[in-house]
Amino acid sequence: MPYKEMKVEKLYYAIGEVAEMLSVPVSTVRFWENEFDILKPMKNKKGNRLFTQADVRNLKIIHHLVKEEGMTLDGARKRLSGKWDETDSKYEISESLQKIKTILLEIRDNI
């Protein structure tokens, strides 16, 4: 059986890395940090933001609500404050379906 390397997850991500993951400008990530209470990135001595996995996940959920579902910031804020569990599970389902779609498209292209 071949050796498989485990995917290494970083503990902290810089704001530029997070913006690249989400395909948004860095200013958008800074803006969302000010708009949503669930985002509390740590800051180092220089004042650079350091985002944890939880922060990145929350940003992905915000991105999904605002950019993909077309919600306003107020609507996204209300959804996150009131129905967090429902929003989180819907996001997970959406992510799973996207992964399945990618796999199916790869299979189709290889046939």
C-alpha atoms as a PDB file:
ATOM      1  CA  MET A   1       0.000   0.000   0.000  1.00  0.00           C
ATOM      2  CA  PRO A   2       1.553   3.363  -0.994  1.00  0.00           C
ATOM      3  CA  TYR A   3       2.426   5.923   1.607  1.00  0.00           C
ATOM      4  CA  LYS A   4       0.058   8.874   1.774  1.00  0.00           C
ATOM      5  CA  GLU A   5       1.182  12.115   3.303  1.00  0.00           C
ATOM      6  CA  MET A   6      -1.318  13.811   5.546  1.00  0.00           C
ATOM      7  CA  LYS A   7      -2.460  17.248   4.523  1.00  0.00           C
ATOM      8  CA  VAL A   8      -0.915  19.731   6.939  1.00  0.00           C
ATOM      9  CA  GLU A   9      -3.288  22.383   8.204  1.00  0.00           C
ATOM     10  CA  LYS A  10      -1.858  25.677   9.349  1.00  0.00           C
ATOM     11  CA  LEU A  11      -2.781  27.041  12.749  1.00  0.00           C
ATOM     12  CA  TYR A  12      -2.916  30.654  11.597  1.00  0.00           C
ATOM     13  CA  TYR A  13      -3.487  32.266   8.225  1.00  0.00           C
ATOM     14  CA  ALA A  14      -2.475  35.790   7.190  1.00  0.00           C
ATOM     15  CA  ILE A  15      -5.168  38.081   5.848  1.00  0.00           C
ATOM     16  CA  GLY A  16      -3.727  37.815   2.330  1.00  0.00           C
ATOM     17  CA  GLU A  17      -3.980  34.029   2.397  1.00  0.00           C
ATOM     18  CA  VAL A  18      -7.579  34.197   3.581  1.00  0.00           C
ATOM     19  CA  ALA A  19      -8.481  36.750   0.906  1.00  0.00           C
ATOM     20  CA  GLU A  20      -6.917  34.493  -1.734  1.00  0.00           C
ATOM     21  CA  MET A  21      -8.889  31.474  -0.472  1.00  0.00           C
ATOM     22  CA  LEU A  22     -12.121  33.423  -0.809  1.00  0.00           C
ATOM     23  CA  SER A  23     -11.144  35.224  -4.042  1.00  0.00           C
ATOM     24  CA  VAL A  24     -11.946  38.611  -2.524  1.00  0.00           C
ATOM     25  CA  PRO A  25      -9.773  41.674  -1.889  1.00  0.00           C
ATOM     26  CA  VAL A  26      -8.038  42.025   1.481  1.00  0.00           C
ATOM     27  CA  SER A  27     -10.144  45.115   2.152  1.00  0.00           C
ATOM     28  CA  THR A  28     -13.290  42.970   1.992  1.00  0.00           C
ATOM     29  CA  VAL A  29     -11.948  40.625   4.681  1.00  0.00           C
ATOM     30  CA  ARG A  30     -11.089  43.651   6.875  1.00  0.00           C
ATOM     31  CA  PHE A  31     -14.557  45.097   6.289  1.00  0.00           C
ATOM     32  CA  TRP A  32     -16.295  41.841   7.182  1.00  0.00           C
ATOM     33  CA  GLU A  33     -14.186  41.622  10.340  1.00  0.00           C
ATOM     34  CA  ASN A  34     -15.637  44.961  11.452  1.00  0.00           C
ATOM     35  CA  GLU A  35     -19.183  44.067  10.422  1.00  0.00           C
ATOM     36  CA  PHE A  36     -19.528  40.589  11.977  1.00  0.00           C
ATOM     37  CA  ASP A  37     -19.032  39.876  15.682  1.00  0.00           C
ATOM     38  CA  ILE A  38     -18.157  36.213  15.098  1.00  0.00           C
ATOM     39  CA  LEU A  39     -14.846  37.232  13.490  1.00  0.00           C
ATOM     40  CA  LYS A  40     -12.167  37.874  16.083  1.00  0.00           C
ATOM     41  CA  PRO A  41      -8.754  37.281  14.507  1.00  0.00           C
ATOM     42  CA  MET A  42      -5.703  37.476  16.709  1.00  0.00           C
ATOM     43  CA  LYS A  43      -3.134  40.176  16.040  1.00  0.00           C
ATOM     44  CA  ASN A  44       0.602  39.806  16.411  1.00  0.00           C
ATOM     45  CA  LYS A  45       2.954  42.466  17.795  1.00  0.00           C
ATOM     46  CA  LYS A  46       3.020  44.238  14.444  1.00  0.00           C
ATOM     47  CA  GLY A  47      -0.774  44.318  14.325  1.00  0.00           C
ATOM     48  CA  ASN A  48      -1.085  41.781  11.510  1.00  0.00           C
ATOM     49  CA  ARG A  49      -4.266  39.740  11.635  1.00  0.00           C
ATOM     50  CA  LEU A  50      -3.908  36.003  12.186  1.00  0.00           C
ATOM     51  CA  PHE A  51      -6.976  33.958  11.333  1.00  0.00           C
ATOM     52  CA  THR A  52      -7.609  30.519  12.862  1.00  0.00           C
ATOM     53  CA  GLN A  53      -9.386  27.638  11.111  1.00  0.00           C
ATOM     54  CA  ALA A  54     -12.608  28.685  12.878  1.00  0.00           C
ATOM     55  CA  ASP A  55     -12.242  32.250  11.605  1.00  0.00           C
ATOM     56  CA  VAL A  56     -11.637  30.996   8.058  1.00  0.00           C
ATOM     57  CA  ARG A  57     -14.706  28.770   8.261  1.00  0.00           C
ATOM     58  CA  ASN A  58     -16.818  31.687   9.526  1.00  0.00           C
ATOM     59  CA  LEU A  59     -15.508  33.847   6.679  1.00  0.00           C
ATOM     60  CA  LYS A  60     -16.384  31.126   4.172  1.00  0.00           C
ATOM     61  CA  ILE A  61     -19.922  31.024   5.560  1.00  0.00           C
ATOM     62  CA  ILE A  62     -20.197  34.822   5.351  1.00  0.00           C
ATOM     63  CA  HIS A  63     -18.837  34.704   1.800  1.00  0.00           C
ATOM     64  CA  HIS A  64     -21.390  32.034   0.890  1.00  0.00           C
ATOM     65  CA  LEU A  65     -24.274  34.074   2.314  1.00  0.00           C
ATOM     66  CA  VAL A  66     -23.234  37.398   0.811  1.00  0.00           C
ATOM     67  CA  LYS A  67     -21.684  36.464  -2.525  1.00  0.00           C
ATOM     68  CA  GLU A  68     -23.410  33.209  -3.487  1.00  0.00           C
ATOM     69  CA  GLU A  69     -26.851  33.582  -1.920  1.00  0.00           C
ATOM     70  CA  GLY A  70     -26.947  37.339  -2.565  1.00  0.00           C
ATOM     71  CA  MET A  71     -27.861  38.371   0.967  1.00  0.00           C
ATOM     72  CA  THR A  72     -27.249  41.863   2.280  1.00  0.00           C
ATOM     73  CA  LEU A  73     -24.827  42.327   5.165  1.00  0.00           C
ATOM     74  CA  ASP A  74     -27.746  43.003   7.497  1.00  0.00           C
ATOM     75  CA  GLY A  75     -29.503  39.855   6.320  1.00  0.00           C
ATOM     76  CA  ALA A  76     -26.355  37.771   6.757  1.00  0.00           C
ATOM     77  CA  ARG A  77     -25.790  39.255  10.223  1.00  0.00           C
ATOM     78  CA  LYS A  78     -29.360  38.396  11.267  1.00  0.00           C
ATOM     79  CA  ARG A  79     -29.083  34.868   9.851  1.00  0.00           C
ATOM     80  CA  LEU A  80     -25.830  34.237  11.718  1.00  0.00           C
ATOM     81  CA  SER A  81     -27.112  35.629  14.994  1.00  0.00           C
ATOM     82  CA  GLY A  82     -30.396  33.740  14.980  1.00  0.00           C
ATOM     83  CA  LYS A  83     -29.981  30.507  13.082  1.00  0.00           C
ATOM     84  CA  TRP A  84     -26.298  29.617  13.380  1.00  0.00           C
ATOM     85  CA  ASP A  85     -26.775  25.823  13.475  1.00  0.00           C
ATOM     86  CA  GLU A  86     -29.062  25.846  10.450  1.00  0.00           C
ATOM     87  CA  THR A  87     -26.735  28.123   8.497  1.00  0.00           C
ATOM     88  CA  ASP A  88     -23.712  26.008   9.392  1.00  0.00           C
ATOM     89  CA  SER A  89     -25.382  22.770   8.304  1.00  0.00           C
ATOM     90  CA  LYS A  90     -26.609  24.317   5.035  1.00  0.00           C
ATOM     91  CA  TYR A  91     -23.074  25.511   4.319  1.00  0.00           C
ATOM     92  CA  GLU A  92     -21.661  22.032   4.979  1.00  0.00           C
ATOM     93  CA  ILE A  93     -24.227  20.493   2.617  1.00  0.00           C
ATOM     94  CA  SER A  94     -23.351  23.056  -0.045  1.00  0.00           C
ATOM     95  CA  GLU A  95     -19.630  22.330   0.325  1.00  0.00           C
ATOM     96  CA  SER A  96     -20.215  18.579   0.101  1.00  0.00           C
ATOM     97  CA  LEU A  97     -22.285  18.979  -3.040  1.00  0.00           C
ATOM     98  CA  GLN A  98     -19.579  21.154  -4.613  1.00  0.00           C
ATOM     99  CA  LYS A  99     -16.965  18.461  -3.910  1.00  0.00           C
ATOM    100  CA  ILE A 100     -19.208  15.779  -5.407  1.00  0.00           C
ATOM    101  CA  LYS A 101     -19.777  17.940  -8.475  1.00  0.00           C
ATOM    102  CA  THR A 102     -16.027  18.401  -8.921  1.00  0.00           C
ATOM    103  CA  ILE A 103     -15.409  14.661  -8.647  1.00  0.00           C
ATOM    104  CA  LEU A 104     -18.176  13.860 -11.130  1.00  0.00           C
ATOM    105  CA  LEU A 105     -16.859  16.424 -13.609  1.00  0.00           C
ATOM    106  CA  GLU A 106     -13.374  14.927 -13.337  1.00  0.00           C
ATOM    107  CA  ILE A 107     -14.785  11.445 -13.969  1.00  0.00           C
ATOM    108  CA  ARG A 108     -16.744  12.711 -16.963  1.00  0.00           C
ATOM    109  CA  ASP A 109     -13.674  14.398 -18.439  1.00  0.00           C
ATOM    110  CA  ASN A 110     -11.555  11.249 -18.013  1.00  0.00           C
ATOM    111  CA  ILE A 111     -14.016   8.980 -19.803  1.00  0.00           C
END
